[in-house]
N, C-alpha and C. Protein backbone atom coordinates (compact mmCIF):
# COMPACT_ATOMS: atom_id res chain seq x y z
N MET A 1 0.87 -1.18 0.00
CA MET A 1 0.02 0.00 -0.01
C MET A 1 0.90 1.24 0.03
N SER A 2 0.56 2.14 -0.80
CA SER A 2 1.25 3.43 -0.84
C SER A 2 0.24 4.56 -0.67
N LYS A 3 0.74 5.69 -0.25
CA LYS A 3 -0.10 6.87 0.00
C LYS A 3 0.23 7.96 -1.00
N ALA A 4 -0.81 8.69 -1.40
CA ALA A 4 -0.60 9.82 -2.23
C ALA A 4 -1.33 11.04 -1.62
N ARG A 5 -0.59 12.14 -1.57
CA ARG A 5 -1.18 13.40 -1.08
C ARG A 5 -1.40 14.30 -2.30
N ILE A 6 -2.68 14.59 -2.58
CA ILE A 6 -3.05 15.40 -3.69
C ILE A 6 -3.44 16.84 -3.25
N THR A 7 -2.74 17.83 -3.75
CA THR A 7 -2.98 19.21 -3.40
C THR A 7 -3.56 19.89 -4.66
N LEU A 8 -4.79 20.41 -4.51
CA LEU A 8 -5.42 21.11 -5.63
C LEU A 8 -5.48 22.57 -5.34
N SER A 9 -5.20 23.43 -6.25
CA SER A 9 -5.23 24.87 -6.05
C SER A 9 -5.79 25.56 -7.35
N GLY A 10 -6.53 26.62 -7.16
CA GLY A 10 -7.10 27.32 -8.30
C GLY A 10 -7.85 28.58 -7.81
N ASP A 11 -8.33 29.37 -8.74
CA ASP A 11 -9.03 30.56 -8.37
C ASP A 11 -10.55 30.45 -8.41
N ASN A 12 -11.04 29.22 -8.82
CA ASN A 12 -12.52 29.02 -8.83
C ASN A 12 -12.81 27.82 -7.98
N PRO A 13 -13.52 28.06 -6.82
CA PRO A 13 -13.75 26.91 -5.91
C PRO A 13 -14.73 25.85 -6.50
N GLY A 14 -15.57 26.24 -7.45
CA GLY A 14 -16.43 25.29 -8.14
C GLY A 14 -15.67 24.26 -8.90
N ASP A 15 -14.66 24.70 -9.59
CA ASP A 15 -13.82 23.74 -10.37
C ASP A 15 -13.08 22.79 -9.43
N LEU A 16 -12.56 23.35 -8.29
CA LEU A 16 -11.84 22.50 -7.33
C LEU A 16 -12.79 21.44 -6.79
N ASP A 17 -13.97 21.81 -6.36
CA ASP A 17 -14.92 20.85 -5.87
C ASP A 17 -15.33 19.81 -6.86
N GLY A 18 -15.38 20.20 -8.15
CA GLY A 18 -15.73 19.22 -9.18
C GLY A 18 -14.63 18.18 -9.34
N VAL A 19 -13.37 18.56 -9.26
CA VAL A 19 -12.24 17.63 -9.37
C VAL A 19 -12.27 16.71 -8.13
N VAL A 20 -12.50 17.30 -6.91
CA VAL A 20 -12.51 16.52 -5.70
C VAL A 20 -13.69 15.48 -5.77
N LYS A 21 -14.75 15.87 -6.36
CA LYS A 21 -15.89 14.94 -6.48
C LYS A 21 -15.59 13.77 -7.33
N GLN A 22 -14.85 14.03 -8.41
CA GLN A 22 -14.41 12.96 -9.34
C GLN A 22 -13.45 12.00 -8.64
N ILE A 23 -12.51 12.56 -7.88
CA ILE A 23 -11.56 11.75 -7.09
C ILE A 23 -12.27 10.89 -6.08
N LYS A 24 -13.26 11.48 -5.38
CA LYS A 24 -14.03 10.74 -4.38
C LYS A 24 -14.80 9.54 -5.04
N GLU A 25 -15.45 9.80 -6.17
CA GLU A 25 -16.19 8.75 -6.88
C GLU A 25 -15.29 7.65 -7.34
N LEU A 26 -14.12 7.99 -7.86
CA LEU A 26 -13.16 6.99 -8.33
C LEU A 26 -12.59 6.19 -7.11
N ALA A 27 -12.39 6.84 -6.01
CA ALA A 27 -11.82 6.18 -4.81
C ALA A 27 -12.84 5.18 -4.24
N THR A 28 -14.14 5.53 -4.26
CA THR A 28 -15.18 4.60 -3.77
C THR A 28 -15.33 3.44 -4.70
N VAL A 29 -15.21 3.62 -6.01
CA VAL A 29 -15.32 2.55 -6.97
C VAL A 29 -14.17 1.57 -6.82
N LEU A 30 -12.94 2.07 -6.58
CA LEU A 30 -11.78 1.26 -6.43
C LEU A 30 -11.56 0.75 -5.04
N SER A 31 -12.46 1.12 -4.09
CA SER A 31 -12.41 0.79 -2.66
C SER A 31 -11.03 1.17 -2.03
N MET A 32 -10.70 2.47 -2.23
CA MET A 32 -9.45 3.01 -1.65
C MET A 32 -9.80 3.77 -0.45
N LYS A 33 -8.89 3.89 0.47
CA LYS A 33 -9.04 4.72 1.70
C LYS A 33 -8.76 6.17 1.32
N MET A 34 -9.69 7.04 1.69
CA MET A 34 -9.51 8.49 1.35
C MET A 34 -9.79 9.34 2.56
N HIS A 35 -8.97 10.34 2.73
CA HIS A 35 -9.13 11.29 3.83
C HIS A 35 -9.24 12.66 3.17
N GLY A 36 -10.33 13.36 3.46
CA GLY A 36 -10.44 14.73 2.92
C GLY A 36 -11.70 14.86 2.13
N PRO A 37 -11.91 15.90 1.46
CA PRO A 37 -11.04 17.03 1.19
C PRO A 37 -10.91 17.99 2.38
N ILE A 38 -9.72 18.48 2.63
CA ILE A 38 -9.47 19.44 3.67
C ILE A 38 -9.32 20.81 2.98
N ARG A 39 -10.11 21.72 3.43
CA ARG A 39 -10.04 23.10 2.84
C ARG A 39 -8.94 23.89 3.57
N LEU A 40 -7.97 24.30 2.83
CA LEU A 40 -6.88 25.06 3.37
C LEU A 40 -7.23 26.54 3.27
N PRO A 41 -6.65 27.40 4.05
CA PRO A 41 -6.97 28.85 4.04
C PRO A 41 -6.70 29.42 2.63
N ARG A 42 -7.63 30.28 2.19
CA ARG A 42 -7.39 30.94 0.90
C ARG A 42 -6.35 31.98 0.97
N LYS A 43 -5.72 32.26 -0.14
CA LYS A 43 -4.69 33.28 -0.19
C LYS A 43 -5.17 34.43 -1.03
N LYS A 44 -4.98 35.64 -0.54
CA LYS A 44 -5.38 36.84 -1.25
C LYS A 44 -4.17 37.52 -1.87
N LEU A 45 -4.23 37.75 -3.15
CA LEU A 45 -3.16 38.56 -3.79
C LEU A 45 -3.79 39.88 -4.16
N GLU A 46 -3.24 40.97 -3.57
CA GLU A 46 -3.82 42.31 -3.78
C GLU A 46 -2.76 43.24 -4.44
N ILE A 47 -3.29 44.09 -5.31
CA ILE A 47 -2.45 45.09 -5.98
C ILE A 47 -3.26 46.41 -5.95
N SER A 48 -2.62 47.45 -5.47
CA SER A 48 -3.25 48.81 -5.53
C SER A 48 -2.26 49.69 -6.32
N CYS A 49 -2.80 50.52 -7.18
CA CYS A 49 -1.90 51.45 -7.96
C CYS A 49 -2.70 52.66 -8.28
N ARG A 50 -2.00 53.70 -8.57
CA ARG A 50 -2.63 54.98 -8.94
C ARG A 50 -3.22 54.93 -10.37
N ARG A 51 -4.35 55.57 -10.52
CA ARG A 51 -5.02 55.59 -11.81
C ARG A 51 -4.26 56.39 -12.86
N THR A 52 -3.77 57.55 -12.48
CA THR A 52 -3.04 58.38 -13.40
C THR A 52 -1.57 58.19 -13.19
N PRO A 53 -0.85 57.62 -14.18
CA PRO A 53 0.55 57.34 -13.94
C PRO A 53 1.43 58.64 -13.95
N CYS A 54 0.95 59.75 -14.55
CA CYS A 54 1.75 60.95 -14.70
C CYS A 54 1.80 61.72 -13.37
N GLY A 55 0.82 61.51 -12.47
CA GLY A 55 0.83 62.20 -11.22
C GLY A 55 -0.09 63.44 -11.23
N ASP A 56 -0.73 63.78 -12.36
CA ASP A 56 -1.67 64.89 -12.43
C ASP A 56 -3.03 64.46 -11.88
N GLY A 57 -3.77 65.46 -11.36
CA GLY A 57 -5.12 65.17 -10.92
C GLY A 57 -5.20 64.69 -9.50
N SER A 58 -6.34 64.22 -9.07
CA SER A 58 -6.53 63.78 -7.72
C SER A 58 -5.93 62.45 -7.47
N ASP A 59 -5.73 62.12 -6.23
CA ASP A 59 -5.15 60.81 -5.84
C ASP A 59 -6.25 59.72 -5.90
N THR A 60 -6.43 59.09 -7.03
CA THR A 60 -7.43 58.01 -7.10
C THR A 60 -6.62 56.71 -7.39
N TYR A 61 -7.09 55.62 -6.73
CA TYR A 61 -6.39 54.40 -6.83
C TYR A 61 -7.33 53.35 -7.38
N GLU A 62 -6.66 52.37 -8.09
CA GLU A 62 -7.39 51.20 -8.50
C GLU A 62 -6.94 49.96 -7.72
N HIS A 63 -7.81 49.07 -7.45
CA HIS A 63 -7.52 47.95 -6.58
C HIS A 63 -7.91 46.65 -7.28
N TRP A 64 -7.00 45.71 -7.37
CA TRP A 64 -7.22 44.38 -7.98
C TRP A 64 -6.97 43.35 -6.90
N GLU A 65 -7.74 42.22 -6.95
CA GLU A 65 -7.57 41.19 -6.00
C GLU A 65 -7.85 39.83 -6.64
N LYS A 66 -6.99 38.86 -6.32
CA LYS A 66 -7.18 37.54 -6.83
C LYS A 66 -7.08 36.57 -5.60
N ARG A 67 -8.07 35.71 -5.56
CA ARG A 67 -8.13 34.77 -4.40
C ARG A 67 -7.75 33.36 -4.96
N ILE A 68 -6.94 32.66 -4.17
CA ILE A 68 -6.48 31.31 -4.56
C ILE A 68 -7.02 30.37 -3.45
N PHE A 69 -7.78 29.33 -3.86
CA PHE A 69 -8.34 28.35 -3.01
C PHE A 69 -7.57 27.07 -3.07
N LYS A 70 -7.49 26.37 -1.99
CA LYS A 70 -6.73 25.07 -1.97
C LYS A 70 -7.53 23.99 -1.29
N ARG A 71 -7.32 22.77 -1.76
CA ARG A 71 -7.95 21.58 -1.18
C ARG A 71 -6.84 20.52 -1.03
N LEU A 72 -6.92 19.66 0.00
CA LEU A 72 -5.94 18.65 0.25
C LEU A 72 -6.68 17.32 0.40
N VAL A 73 -6.23 16.31 -0.33
CA VAL A 73 -6.81 14.96 -0.28
C VAL A 73 -5.74 13.93 -0.15
N ASP A 74 -5.91 13.01 0.86
CA ASP A 74 -4.97 11.90 1.07
C ASP A 74 -5.67 10.63 0.61
N VAL A 75 -4.93 9.85 -0.17
CA VAL A 75 -5.49 8.60 -0.76
C VAL A 75 -4.51 7.41 -0.50
N GLU A 76 -5.05 6.32 -0.05
CA GLU A 76 -4.22 5.09 0.16
C GLU A 76 -4.65 3.97 -0.77
N GLY A 77 -3.75 3.34 -1.40
CA GLY A 77 -4.05 2.23 -2.33
C GLY A 77 -2.83 1.73 -3.00
N ASP A 78 -3.07 0.77 -3.93
CA ASP A 78 -1.98 0.21 -4.70
C ASP A 78 -1.52 1.16 -5.75
N GLU A 79 -0.35 0.96 -6.30
CA GLU A 79 0.18 1.85 -7.36
C GLU A 79 -0.66 1.88 -8.56
N LYS A 80 -1.30 0.75 -8.94
CA LYS A 80 -2.20 0.74 -10.05
C LYS A 80 -3.43 1.59 -9.90
N MET A 81 -3.94 1.56 -8.64
CA MET A 81 -5.16 2.33 -8.33
C MET A 81 -4.81 3.86 -8.36
N ILE A 82 -3.61 4.17 -7.82
CA ILE A 82 -3.26 5.61 -7.80
C ILE A 82 -2.96 6.13 -9.24
N LYS A 83 -2.46 5.24 -10.12
CA LYS A 83 -2.31 5.65 -11.50
C LYS A 83 -3.61 5.96 -12.21
N GLN A 84 -4.64 5.24 -11.81
CA GLN A 84 -5.98 5.50 -12.38
C GLN A 84 -6.49 6.86 -11.93
N LEU A 85 -6.12 7.34 -10.74
CA LEU A 85 -6.56 8.65 -10.25
C LEU A 85 -5.98 9.75 -11.14
N LEU A 86 -4.84 9.47 -11.80
CA LEU A 86 -4.25 10.46 -12.65
C LEU A 86 -5.00 10.73 -13.94
N ARG A 87 -6.01 9.83 -14.24
CA ARG A 87 -6.82 10.02 -15.43
C ARG A 87 -8.01 10.91 -15.26
N VAL A 88 -8.15 11.51 -14.08
CA VAL A 88 -9.26 12.38 -13.80
C VAL A 88 -9.21 13.64 -14.66
N LYS A 89 -10.28 14.07 -15.23
CA LYS A 89 -10.27 15.25 -16.10
C LYS A 89 -10.11 16.51 -15.21
N VAL A 90 -9.12 17.29 -15.45
CA VAL A 90 -8.83 18.50 -14.70
C VAL A 90 -8.97 19.73 -15.55
N PRO A 91 -9.77 20.70 -15.15
CA PRO A 91 -9.87 21.96 -15.97
C PRO A 91 -8.52 22.68 -15.93
N SER A 92 -8.33 23.60 -16.91
CA SER A 92 -7.04 24.31 -17.01
C SER A 92 -6.86 25.32 -15.87
N THR A 93 -7.88 25.64 -15.13
CA THR A 93 -7.80 26.64 -14.02
C THR A 93 -7.37 26.00 -12.75
N VAL A 94 -7.19 24.66 -12.73
CA VAL A 94 -6.84 23.94 -11.46
C VAL A 94 -5.42 23.39 -11.62
N LEU A 95 -4.64 23.62 -10.59
CA LEU A 95 -3.28 23.12 -10.49
C LEU A 95 -3.26 21.91 -9.57
N VAL A 96 -2.68 20.80 -10.03
CA VAL A 96 -2.70 19.57 -9.25
C VAL A 96 -1.26 19.23 -8.92
N LYS A 97 -0.97 18.94 -7.62
CA LYS A 97 0.34 18.47 -7.21
C LYS A 97 0.12 17.12 -6.50
N ILE A 98 0.85 16.06 -6.87
CA ILE A 98 0.73 14.81 -6.27
C ILE A 98 2.07 14.39 -5.74
N SER A 99 2.11 14.04 -4.44
CA SER A 99 3.32 13.56 -3.82
C SER A 99 3.07 12.15 -3.27
N LEU A 100 3.94 11.23 -3.66
CA LEU A 100 3.78 9.85 -3.24
C LEU A 100 4.72 9.54 -2.02
N THR A 101 4.15 8.81 -1.05
CA THR A 101 5.01 8.43 0.10
C THR A 101 4.91 6.96 0.38
């Protein structure tokens, strides 16, 4: 038996939950032990800058923000079963990291 820790991150929580749902369904079909999904704290990336780059006019600022959501899933099973987890369809907005132990 080997363990795999799957870390999913992206800016759309709906996409993340969709991938986690696929992993859950596949784990139940293959009768694998699964722990999670664990919701990790979201990360905020903020940028504030002046609207007028030349410095003329009033001090008005623009503000942009991007939120990054993360999920953590632990799966236990044979190597063949874990390889089948890699066939899950993942949208381009989701980043997947898998570490085997």
